[in-house]
PDB file of N, CA and C in Angstrom:
ATOM      1  N   MET A   1     -10.909 -10.681  11.198  1.00  0.00           N
ATOM      2  CA  MET A   1     -10.969  -9.817  10.528  1.00  0.00           C
ATOM      3  C   MET A   1      -9.225 -10.373   9.161  1.00  0.00           C
ATOM      4  N   THR A   2      -9.617 -10.051   7.716  1.00  0.00           N
ATOM      5  CA  THR A   2      -9.245 -11.019   6.709  1.00  0.00           C
ATOM      6  C   THR A   2      -8.302  -9.681   6.271  1.00  0.00           C
ATOM      7  N   GLU A   3      -6.982  -9.494   6.632  1.00  0.00           N
ATOM      8  CA  GLU A   3      -5.420  -8.365   5.960  1.00  0.00           C
ATOM      9  C   GLU A   3      -5.035  -8.943   5.376  1.00  0.00           C
ATOM     10  N   ALA A   4      -3.822  -7.581   5.015  1.00  0.00           N
ATOM     11  CA  ALA A   4      -3.559  -7.824   4.182  1.00  0.00           C
ATOM     12  C   ALA A   4      -2.047  -6.700   4.117  1.00  0.00           C
ATOM     13  N   ILE A   5      -0.620  -7.362   3.493  1.00  0.00           N
ATOM     14  CA  ILE A   5       0.244  -6.059   3.290  1.00  0.00           C
ATOM     15  C   ILE A   5       0.860  -6.003   1.627  1.00  0.00           C
ATOM     16  N   LEU A   6       0.824  -4.663   1.348  1.00  0.00           N
ATOM     17  CA  LEU A   6       1.013  -4.706   0.468  1.00  0.00           C
ATOM     18  C   LEU A   6       1.831  -3.354  -0.126  1.00  0.00           C
ATOM     19  N   LEU A   7       2.981  -3.547  -0.688  1.00  0.00           N
ATOM     20  CA  LEU A   7       4.491  -3.063  -1.053  1.00  0.00           C
ATOM     21  C   LEU A   7       4.112  -1.913  -1.971  1.00  0.00           C
ATOM     22  N   VAL A   8       4.004  -0.804  -1.692  1.00  0.00           N
ATOM     23  CA  VAL A   8       3.874   0.245  -2.442  1.00  0.00           C
ATOM     24  C   VAL A   8       5.025   1.761  -2.671  1.00  0.00           C
ATOM     25  N   GLY A   9       6.001   1.314  -1.905  1.00  0.00           N
ATOM     26  CA  GLY A   9       7.809   1.769  -1.086  1.00  0.00           C
ATOM     27  C   GLY A   9       8.610   1.689  -2.684  1.00  0.00           C
ATOM     28  N   GLY A  10       8.147   0.617  -3.529  1.00  0.00           N
ATOM     29  CA  GLY A  10       9.636   0.675  -4.802  1.00  0.00           C
ATOM     30  C   GLY A  10       9.242   1.938  -5.768  1.00  0.00           C
ATOM     31  N   LYS A  11      10.318   2.387  -6.650  1.00  0.00           N
ATOM     32  CA  LYS A  11      10.417   3.889  -6.991  1.00  0.00           C
ATOM     33  C   LYS A  11      10.222   3.670  -8.247  1.00  0.00           C
ATOM     34  N   GLY A  12       9.621   2.791  -9.299  1.00  0.00           N
ATOM     35  CA  GLY A  12       9.581   2.536 -10.528  1.00  0.00           C
ATOM     36  C   GLY A  12      10.582   2.577 -11.436  1.00  0.00           C
ATOM     37  N   THR A  13      11.529   2.322 -11.014  1.00  0.00           N
ATOM     38  CA  THR A  13      12.780   3.421 -12.247  1.00  0.00           C
ATOM     39  C   THR A  13      12.011   2.649 -13.801  1.00  0.00           C
ATOM     40  N   ARG A  14      11.567   1.590 -14.418  1.00  0.00           N
ATOM     41  CA  ARG A  14      11.703   1.104 -14.795  1.00  0.00           C
ATOM     42  C   ARG A  14      10.283   1.806 -15.590  1.00  0.00           C
ATOM     43  N   LEU A  15       9.320   2.807 -15.586  1.00  0.00           N
ATOM     44  CA  LEU A  15       8.644   3.428 -15.810  1.00  0.00           C
ATOM     45  C   LEU A  15       8.874   4.351 -15.743  1.00  0.00           C
ATOM     46  N   ARG A  16       9.647   5.237 -16.495  1.00  0.00           N
ATOM     47  CA  ARG A  16      10.401   6.761 -15.899  1.00  0.00           C
ATOM     48  C   ARG A  16      10.143   7.115 -17.246  1.00  0.00           C
ATOM     49  N   PRO A  17       9.613   7.915 -17.557  1.00  0.00           N
ATOM     50  CA  PRO A  17       9.473   9.083 -17.014  1.00  0.00           C
ATOM     51  C   PRO A  17       7.864   9.415 -16.210  1.00  0.00           C
ATOM     52  N   LEU A  18       7.198   8.527 -15.774  1.00  0.00           N
ATOM     53  CA  LEU A  18       6.433   8.518 -15.487  1.00  0.00           C
ATOM     54  C   LEU A  18       6.519   9.098 -13.938  1.00  0.00           C
ATOM     55  N   THR A  19       7.621   7.981 -13.313  1.00  0.00           N
ATOM     56  CA  THR A  19       7.418   7.866 -11.763  1.00  0.00           C
ATOM     57  C   THR A  19       8.576   9.394 -10.937  1.00  0.00           C
ATOM     58  N   VAL A  20       8.626  10.206 -11.979  1.00  0.00           N
ATOM     59  CA  VAL A  20      10.175  10.971 -11.142  1.00  0.00           C
ATOM     60  C   VAL A  20       9.116  11.476 -10.182  1.00  0.00           C
ATOM     61  N   ASN A  21       7.718  11.766 -10.715  1.00  0.00           N
ATOM     62  CA  ASN A  21       6.997  12.752  -9.550  1.00  0.00           C
ATOM     63  C   ASN A  21       5.526  12.332  -8.446  1.00  0.00           C
ATOM     64  N   THR A  22       5.617  11.246  -9.592  1.00  0.00           N
ATOM     65  CA  THR A  22       5.122  10.120  -8.212  1.00  0.00           C
ATOM     66  C   THR A  22       4.727   8.455  -8.393  1.00  0.00           C
ATOM     67  N   PRO A  23       4.787   8.420  -7.194  1.00  0.00           N
ATOM     68  CA  PRO A  23       4.751   6.808  -7.137  1.00  0.00           C
ATOM     69  C   PRO A  23       4.376   5.618  -7.867  1.00  0.00           C
ATOM     70  N   LYS A  24       5.064   5.209  -8.071  1.00  0.00           N
ATOM     71  CA  LYS A  24       4.137   3.818  -9.595  1.00  0.00           C
ATOM     72  C   LYS A  24       2.925   3.514  -8.302  1.00  0.00           C
ATOM     73  N   PRO A  25       2.516   2.201  -7.752  1.00  0.00           N
ATOM     74  CA  PRO A  25       1.261   2.161  -7.354  1.00  0.00           C
ATOM     75  C   PRO A  25      -0.072   4.719  -7.151  1.00  0.00           C
ATOM     76  N   MET A  26       0.790   4.805  -7.924  1.00  0.00           N
ATOM     77  CA  MET A  26      -0.179   6.068  -7.849  1.00  0.00           C
ATOM     78  C   MET A  26      -0.431   6.781  -9.015  1.00  0.00           C
ATOM     79  N   VAL A  27       0.374   6.246 -10.152  1.00  0.00           N
ATOM     80  CA  VAL A  27       0.565   5.745 -11.405  1.00  0.00           C
ATOM     81  C   VAL A  27      -0.600   6.040 -12.117  1.00  0.00           C
ATOM     82  N   ARG A  28      -1.596   6.472 -13.284  1.00  0.00           N
ATOM     83  CA  ARG A  28      -3.007   6.435 -13.673  1.00  0.00           C
ATOM     84  C   ARG A  28      -3.542   4.896 -14.754  1.00  0.00           C
ATOM     85  N   ALA A  29      -4.476   4.313 -14.650  1.00  0.00           N
ATOM     86  CA  ALA A  29      -4.964   3.177 -15.656  1.00  0.00           C
ATOM     87  C   ALA A  29      -6.853   3.339 -15.129  1.00  0.00           C
ATOM     88  N   ALA A  30      -6.860   3.677 -16.153  1.00  0.00           N
ATOM     89  CA  ALA A  30      -8.506   3.601 -16.190  1.00  0.00           C
ATOM     90  C   ALA A  30      -8.651   5.358 -15.741  1.00  0.00           C
ATOM     91  N   GLY A  31      -8.255   5.770 -15.335  1.00  0.00           N
ATOM     92  CA  GLY A  31      -8.371   6.913 -14.872  1.00  0.00           C
ATOM     93  C   GLY A  31      -8.545   7.440 -13.168  1.00  0.00           C
ATOM     94  N   VAL A  32      -7.965   5.857 -12.725  1.00  0.00           N
ATOM     95  CA  VAL A  32      -7.694   6.621 -11.317  1.00  0.00           C
ATOM     96  C   VAL A  32      -6.747   5.988 -11.081  1.00  0.00           C
ATOM     97  N   PRO A  33      -5.888   5.954  -9.482  1.00  0.00           N
ATOM     98  CA  PRO A  33      -4.394   5.088  -9.754  1.00  0.00           C
ATOM     99  C   PRO A  33      -4.154   4.126  -9.890  1.00  0.00           C
ATOM    100  N   PHE A  34      -3.549   2.982 -10.004  1.00  0.00           N
ATOM    101  CA  PHE A  34      -3.893   2.159 -10.099  1.00  0.00           C
ATOM    102  C   PHE A  34      -3.232   0.780  -8.723  1.00  0.00           C
ATOM    103  N   LEU A  35      -3.431   1.631  -7.699  1.00  0.00           N
ATOM    104  CA  LEU A  35      -3.502   1.360  -6.202  1.00  0.00           C
ATOM    105  C   LEU A  35      -4.715   1.540  -5.505  1.00  0.00           C
ATOM    106  N   THR A  36      -5.875   2.112  -6.575  1.00  0.00           N
ATOM    107  CA  THR A  36      -7.426   1.984  -6.493  1.00  0.00           C
ATOM    108  C   THR A  36      -7.415   1.063  -6.970  1.00  0.00           C
ATOM    109  N   HIS A  37      -7.519   0.387  -7.882  1.00  0.00           N
ATOM    110  CA  HIS A  37      -7.191  -1.030  -8.592  1.00  0.00           C
ATOM    111  C   HIS A  37      -7.411  -1.746  -7.895  1.00  0.00           C
ATOM    112  N   GLN A  38      -6.284  -2.939  -7.152  1.00  0.00           N
ATOM    113  CA  GLN A  38      -5.866  -3.456  -6.707  1.00  0.00           C
ATOM    114  C   GLN A  38      -6.240  -3.374  -4.777  1.00  0.00           C
ATOM    115  N   LEU A  39      -6.456  -1.877  -4.364  1.00  0.00           N
ATOM    116  CA  LEU A  39      -7.053  -2.158  -2.901  1.00  0.00           C
ATOM    117  C   LEU A  39      -8.416  -2.240  -3.452  1.00  0.00           C
ATOM    118  N   ALA A  40      -9.629  -2.770  -4.493  1.00  0.00           N
ATOM    119  CA  ALA A  40     -10.773  -2.392  -4.253  1.00  0.00           C
ATOM    120  C   ALA A  40     -10.359  -4.251  -5.339  1.00  0.00           C
ATOM    121  N   ARG A  41      -9.591  -4.970  -4.957  1.00  0.00           N
ATOM    122  CA  ARG A  41      -9.703  -5.981  -5.876  1.00  0.00           C
ATOM    123  C   ARG A  41      -9.369  -6.812  -4.411  1.00  0.00           C
ATOM    124  N   ALA A  42      -9.049  -6.150  -2.992  1.00  0.00           N
ATOM    125  CA  ALA A  42      -8.228  -6.602  -2.308  1.00  0.00           C
ATOM    126  C   ALA A  42      -9.599  -6.907  -1.187  1.00  0.00           C
ATOM    127  N   LYS A  43     -10.850  -6.194  -1.487  1.00  0.00           N
ATOM    128  CA  LYS A  43     -12.247  -5.411  -0.287  1.00  0.00           C
ATOM    129  C   LYS A  43     -12.842  -6.901  -1.691  1.00  0.00           C
ATOM    130  N   ALA A  44     -12.840  -6.821  -2.875  1.00  0.00           N
ATOM    131  CA  ALA A  44     -13.902  -8.229  -2.993  1.00  0.00           C
ATOM    132  C   ALA A  44     -13.232  -9.105  -3.500  1.00  0.00           C
ATOM    133  N   ALA A  45     -12.017  -9.703  -2.473  1.00  0.00           N
ATOM    134  CA  ALA A  45     -11.974 -10.851  -2.323  1.00  0.00           C
ATOM    135  C   ALA A  45     -11.596 -11.776  -0.597  1.00  0.00           C
ATOM    136  N   GLY A  46     -12.274  -9.820  -0.044  1.00  0.00           N
ATOM    137  CA  GLY A  46     -12.372 -10.279   1.708  1.00  0.00           C
ATOM    138  C   GLY A  46     -11.442  -9.739   2.355  1.00  0.00           C
ATOM    139  N   VAL A  47     -10.549  -9.125   2.098  1.00  0.00           N
ATOM    140  CA  VAL A  47     -10.071  -8.628   2.574  1.00  0.00           C
ATOM    141  C   VAL A  47     -10.529  -6.952   3.769  1.00  0.00           C
ATOM    142  N   ASP A  48     -10.886  -6.797   4.377  1.00  0.00           N
ATOM    143  CA  ASP A  48     -10.706  -6.134   5.485  1.00  0.00           C
ATOM    144  C   ASP A  48     -10.178  -4.413   6.208  1.00  0.00           C
ATOM    145  N   HIS A  49      -8.560  -5.075   5.898  1.00  0.00           N
ATOM    146  CA  HIS A  49      -7.084  -4.401   6.887  1.00  0.00           C
ATOM    147  C   HIS A  49      -5.842  -3.662   6.103  1.00  0.00           C
ATOM    148  N   ILE A  50      -5.672  -3.207   6.206  1.00  0.00           N
ATOM    149  CA  ILE A  50      -4.676  -2.930   4.335  1.00  0.00           C
ATOM    150  C   ILE A  50      -3.264  -2.112   5.240  1.00  0.00           C
ATOM    151  N   VAL A  51      -2.978  -2.648   5.255  1.00  0.00           N
ATOM    152  CA  VAL A  51      -1.228  -1.838   5.603  1.00  0.00           C
ATOM    153  C   VAL A  51      -0.079  -1.573   3.702  1.00  0.00           C
ATOM    154  N   LEU A  52      -0.228  -0.207   4.324  1.00  0.00           N
ATOM    155  CA  LEU A  52       0.437   0.223   3.108  1.00  0.00           C
ATOM    156  C   LEU A  52       2.072  -0.057   3.722  1.00  0.00           C
ATOM    157  N   ALA A  53       3.774  -0.657   3.054  1.00  0.00           N
ATOM    158  CA  ALA A  53       3.632  -0.480   3.399  1.00  0.00           C
ATOM    159  C   ALA A  53       5.139   0.757   2.242  1.00  0.00           C
ATOM    160  N   THR A  54       5.212   1.790   3.048  1.00  0.00           N
ATOM    161  CA  THR A  54       5.786   3.222   1.698  1.00  0.00           C
ATOM    162  C   THR A  54       6.775   3.352   2.021  1.00  0.00           C
ATOM    163  N   SER A  55       7.366   4.233   0.863  1.00  0.00           N
ATOM    164  CA  SER A  55       8.906   4.740   0.987  1.00  0.00           C
ATOM    165  C   SER A  55       8.993   5.417  -0.097  1.00  0.00           C
ATOM    166  N   TYR A  56       9.561   5.388  -1.153  1.00  0.00           N
ATOM    167  CA  TYR A  56       9.335   6.830  -1.640  1.00  0.00           C
ATOM    168  C   TYR A  56       8.287   7.288  -2.560  1.00  0.00           C
ATOM    169  N   LEU A  57       8.071   8.622  -2.239  1.00  0.00           N
ATOM    170  CA  LEU A  57       6.718  10.198  -2.049  1.00  0.00           C
ATOM    171  C   LEU A  57       5.736   9.083  -1.781  1.00  0.00           C
ATOM    172  N   ALA A  58       6.108   8.715   0.346  1.00  0.00           N
ATOM    173  CA  ALA A  58       4.770   8.425   0.566  1.00  0.00           C
ATOM    174  C   ALA A  58       4.006   8.920   1.074  1.00  0.00           C
ATOM    175  N   GLU A  59       4.324  10.429   0.816  1.00  0.00           N
ATOM    176  CA  GLU A  59       3.094  12.037   1.539  1.00  0.00           C
ATOM    177  C   GLU A  59       2.234  11.255   0.652  1.00  0.00           C
ATOM    178  N   VAL A  60       2.001  11.490  -0.948  1.00  0.00           N
ATOM    179  CA  VAL A  60       0.761  10.689  -2.241  1.00  0.00           C
ATOM    180  C   VAL A  60      -0.271  10.042  -0.936  1.00  0.00           C
ATOM    181  N   PHE A  61       0.416   9.566  -0.832  1.00  0.00           N
ATOM    182  CA  PHE A  61      -0.830   8.497  -0.322  1.00  0.00           C
ATOM    183  C   PHE A  61      -2.417   8.354   0.011  1.00  0.00           C
ATOM    184  N   GLU A  62      -1.723   8.611   1.896  1.00  0.00           N
ATOM    185  CA  GLU A  62      -2.575   9.161   3.026  1.00  0.00           C
ATOM    186  C   GLU A  62      -3.690  10.535   2.934  1.00  0.00           C
ATOM    187  N   PRO A  63      -3.083  11.620   2.716  1.00  0.00           N
ATOM    188  CA  PRO A  63      -3.621  12.535   1.317  1.00  0.00           C
ATOM    189  C   PRO A  63      -4.840  11.705   0.360  1.00  0.00           C
ATOM    190  N   TYR A  64      -4.666  11.091  -0.584  1.00  0.00           N
ATOM    191  CA  TYR A  64      -5.324  10.902  -1.337  1.00  0.00           C
ATOM    192  C   TYR A  64      -6.664   9.513  -1.181  1.00  0.00           C
ATOM    193  N   PHE A  65      -6.539   8.243   0.011  1.00  0.00           N
ATOM    194  CA  PHE A  65      -6.663   7.380   0.150  1.00  0.00           C
ATOM    195  C   PHE A  65      -7.170   7.630   1.244  1.00  0.00           C
ATOM    196  N   GLY A  66      -7.183   8.208   2.846  1.00  0.00           N
ATOM    197  CA  GLY A  66      -7.496   8.456   3.968  1.00  0.00           C
ATOM    198  C   GLY A  66      -7.587   7.982   4.761  1.00  0.00           C
ATOM    199  N   ASP A  67      -8.251   7.373   5.492  1.00  0.00           N
ATOM    200  CA  ASP A  67      -8.339   5.817   6.269  1.00  0.00           C
ATOM    201  C   ASP A  67      -9.049   4.696   4.839  1.00  0.00           C
ATOM    202  N   GLY A  68      -9.110   5.377   4.284  1.00  0.00           N
ATOM    203  CA  GLY A  68      -9.594   4.148   3.646  1.00  0.00           C
ATOM    204  C   GLY A  68     -11.207   3.800   3.590  1.00  0.00           C
ATOM    205  N   SER A  69     -11.427   4.373   4.705  1.00  0.00           N
ATOM    206  CA  SER A  69     -13.378   4.558   4.554  1.00  0.00           C
ATOM    207  C   SER A  69     -13.885   4.302   3.151  1.00  0.00           C
ATOM    208  N   ALA A  70     -13.783   5.510   2.657  1.00  0.00           N
ATOM    209  CA  ALA A  70     -14.249   5.580   0.710  1.00  0.00           C
ATOM    210  C   ALA A  70     -15.081   3.996   0.125  1.00  0.00           C
ATOM    211  N   LEU A  71     -13.892   3.690  -0.427  1.00  0.00           N
ATOM    212  CA  LEU A  71     -13.137   1.901   0.300  1.00  0.00           C
ATOM    213  C   LEU A  71     -14.011   1.006   0.467  1.00  0.00           C
ATOM    214  N   GLY A  72     -14.708   1.073   2.415  1.00  0.00           N
ATOM    215  CA  GLY A  72     -14.977   0.420   2.540  1.00  0.00           C
ATOM    216  C   GLY A  72     -13.837  -0.681   2.855  1.00  0.00           C
ATOM    217  N   LEU A  73     -13.312   0.164   3.378  1.00  0.00           N
ATOM    218  CA  LEU A  73     -11.738  -1.049   4.466  1.00  0.00           C
ATOM    219  C   LEU A  73     -11.448   0.777   4.792  1.00  0.00           C
ATOM    220  N   HIS A  74      -9.918  -0.297   6.046  1.00  0.00           N
ATOM    221  CA  HIS A  74      -8.615  -0.074   6.900  1.00  0.00           C
ATOM    222  C   HIS A  74      -8.347   0.660   6.957  1.00  0.00           C
ATOM    223  N   LEU A  75      -7.184   1.048   6.081  1.00  0.00           N
ATOM    224  CA  LEU A  75      -6.207   1.711   5.633  1.00  0.00           C
ATOM    225  C   LEU A  75      -5.267   1.998   7.325  1.00  0.00           C
ATOM    226  N   GLU A  76      -3.430   1.282   7.115  1.00  0.00           N
ATOM    227  CA  GLU A  76      -2.572   2.030   7.850  1.00  0.00           C
ATOM    228  C   GLU A  76      -1.314   1.462   6.888  1.00  0.00           C
ATOM    229  N   TYR A  77      -0.268   3.536   6.684  1.00  0.00           N
ATOM    230  CA  TYR A  77       0.688   3.948   6.418  1.00  0.00           C
ATOM    231  C   TYR A  77       1.585   3.479   7.263  1.00  0.00           C
ATOM    232  N   VAL A  78       3.046   2.802   6.534  1.00  0.00           N
ATOM    233  CA  VAL A  78       4.173   2.373   7.706  1.00  0.00           C
ATOM    234  C   VAL A  78       4.926   2.965   6.564  1.00  0.00           C
ATOM    235  N   THR A  79       5.888   4.264   6.857  1.00  0.00           N
ATOM    236  CA  THR A  79       7.144   4.382   5.757  1.00  0.00           C
ATOM    237  C   THR A  79       8.593   4.060   7.201  1.00  0.00           C
ATOM    238  N   GLU A  80       8.881   3.619   5.507  1.00  0.00           N
ATOM    239  CA  GLU A  80      10.478   3.441   5.700  1.00  0.00           C
ATOM    240  C   GLU A  80      10.955   4.637   6.542  1.00  0.00           C
ATOM    241  N   GLU A  81      12.093   4.391   6.786  1.00  0.00           N
ATOM    242  CA  GLU A  81      13.193   5.952   6.778  1.00  0.00           C
ATOM    243  C   GLU A  81      14.153   5.093   5.668  1.00  0.00           C
ATOM    244  N   GLU A  82      14.813   3.766   5.676  1.00  0.00           N
ATOM    245  CA  GLU A  82      15.190   3.814   4.574  1.00  0.00           C
ATOM    246  C   GLU A  82      14.670   2.883   4.006  1.00  0.00           C
ATOM    247  N   PRO A  83      15.405   2.366   2.471  1.00  0.00           N
ATOM    248  CA  PRO A  83      14.886   1.404   1.422  1.00  0.00           C
ATOM    249  C   PRO A  83      15.051  -0.308   3.039  1.00  0.00           C
ATOM    250  N   LEU A  84      13.944  -1.552   2.896  1.00  0.00           N
ATOM    251  CA  LEU A  84      15.046  -1.697   3.114  1.00  0.00           C
ATOM    252  C   LEU A  84      14.636  -3.328   2.564  1.00  0.00           C
ATOM    253  N   GLY A  85      14.512  -3.272   1.363  1.00  0.00           N
ATOM    254  CA  GLY A  85      14.115  -4.259   0.472  1.00  0.00           C
ATOM    255  C   GLY A  85      12.502  -4.579   0.870  1.00  0.00           C
ATOM    256  N   THR A  86      11.879  -5.931   0.171  1.00  0.00           N
ATOM    257  CA  THR A  86      10.839  -6.738   0.590  1.00  0.00           C
ATOM    258  C   THR A  86      10.939  -6.781   1.027  1.00  0.00           C
ATOM    259  N   GLY A  87      11.862  -8.239   1.437  1.00  0.00           N
ATOM    260  CA  GLY A  87      11.651  -8.727   3.163  1.00  0.00           C
ATOM    261  C   GLY A  87      11.579  -8.094   4.210  1.00  0.00           C
ATOM    262  N   GLY A  88      12.451  -6.414   4.276  1.00  0.00           N
ATOM    263  CA  GLY A  88      12.411  -6.004   5.137  1.00  0.00           C
ATOM    264  C   GLY A  88      10.903  -4.974   5.442  1.00  0.00           C
ATOM    265  N   ALA A  89      10.325  -4.844   4.238  1.00  0.00           N
ATOM    266  CA  ALA A  89       9.383  -4.157   4.581  1.00  0.00           C
ATOM    267  C   ALA A  89       8.694  -4.666   5.411  1.00  0.00           C
ATOM    268  N   ILE A  90       8.463  -6.189   4.600  1.00  0.00           N
ATOM    269  CA  ILE A  90       7.847  -6.853   5.061  1.00  0.00           C
ATOM    270  C   ILE A  90       7.193  -6.324   7.331  1.00  0.00           C
ATOM    271  N   ARG A  91       8.347  -6.880   7.505  1.00  0.00           N
ATOM    272  CA  ARG A  91       8.502  -7.275   8.318  1.00  0.00           C
ATOM    273  C   ARG A  91       8.313  -6.052   9.328  1.00  0.00           C
ATOM    274  N   ASN A  92       9.249  -4.545   8.644  1.00  0.00           N
ATOM    275  CA  ASN A  92       8.833  -3.213   9.061  1.00  0.00           C
ATOM    276  C   ASN A  92       7.621  -3.310   9.582  1.00  0.00           C
ATOM    277  N   VAL A  93       6.577  -3.711   8.515  1.00  0.00           N
ATOM    278  CA  VAL A  93       4.540  -3.111   8.872  1.00  0.00           C
ATOM    279  C   VAL A  93       4.126  -4.675   9.498  1.00  0.00           C
ATOM    280  N   ALA A  94       4.814  -5.223  10.034  1.00  0.00           N
ATOM    281  CA  ALA A  94       4.051  -7.001   9.910  1.00  0.00           C
ATOM    282  C   ALA A  94       3.548  -7.258  11.792  1.00  0.00           C
ATOM    283  N   SER A  95       4.110  -5.964  12.416  1.00  0.00           N
ATOM    284  CA  SER A  95       3.657  -5.788  13.573  1.00  0.00           C
ATOM    285  C   SER A  95       1.962  -5.430  14.063  1.00  0.00           C
ATOM    286  N   ARG A  96       2.486  -4.158  13.175  1.00  0.00           N
ATOM    287  CA  ARG A  96       0.911  -3.202  12.363  1.00  0.00           C
ATOM    288  C   ARG A  96      -1.095  -5.145  12.483  1.00  0.00           C
ATOM    289  N   LEU A  97      -0.539  -5.808  12.069  1.00  0.00           N
ATOM    290  CA  LEU A  97      -1.785  -6.756  11.709  1.00  0.00           C
ATOM    291  C   LEU A  97      -2.087  -7.194  12.782  1.00  0.00           C
ATOM    292  N   HIS A  98      -3.161  -7.482  13.149  1.00  0.00           N
ATOM    293  CA  HIS A  98      -3.783  -7.589  14.641  1.00  0.00           C
ATOM    294  C   HIS A  98      -3.822  -9.027  14.483  1.00  0.00           C
ATOM    295  N   SER A  99      -4.153 -10.156  13.520  1.00  0.00           N
ATOM    296  CA  SER A  99      -4.115 -11.573  13.510  1.00  0.00           C
ATOM    297  C   SER A  99      -2.885 -11.660  13.101  1.00  0.00           C
ATOM    298  N   GLY A 100      -1.875 -12.894  14.593  1.00  0.00           N
ATOM    299  CA  GLY A 100      -0.764 -13.016  14.230  1.00  0.00           C
ATOM    300  C   GLY A 100      -1.340 -14.652  13.188  1.00  0.00           C
ATOM    301  N   PRO A 101       0.521 -15.238  12.864  1.00  0.00           N
ATOM    302  CA  PRO A 101       0.479 -16.835  11.979  1.00  0.00           C
ATOM    303  C   PRO A 101      -0.382 -16.848  12.591  1.00  0.00           C
ATOM    304  N   ASP A 102       0.002 -17.741  13.975  1.00  0.00           N
ATOM    305  CA  ASP A 102      -1.629 -18.455  14.480  1.00  0.00           C
ATOM    306  C   ASP A 102      -2.981 -18.445  14.646  1.00  0.00           C
ATOM    307  N   GLU A 103      -2.960 -17.275  14.649  1.00  0.00           N
ATOM    308  CA  GLU A 103      -5.036 -17.285  14.582  1.00  0.00           C
ATOM    309  C   GLU A 103      -5.022 -16.579  13.585  1.00  0.00           C
ATOM    310  N   PRO A 104      -6.594 -17.132  13.567  1.00  0.00           N
ATOM    311  CA  PRO A 104      -7.748 -17.537  12.187  1.00  0.00           C
ATOM    312  C   PRO A 104      -7.948 -15.642  11.598  1.00  0.00           C
TER     313      PRO A 104
END
């Protein structure tokens, strides 16, 4: 199993006003949320399990992408209770990965 963590919790302040009511990864590009393109590229690279580290407007991701099966992926969602920064977000979701650093 090839796995990935995607950090999708930022507020996207540099993209305001687009991100006032929409998290940055859900801003549309070519008619679909930008995150759709990222997930498709991950799938094309052989990734099949992705943990999404959410925070800002976290409630919009799962209703849109569900369990990921429509994209041929297995998606999990972890929401930060308070912003943890890049390293903290990764540490917060790392336990959701099935393979450890020493496993293939």
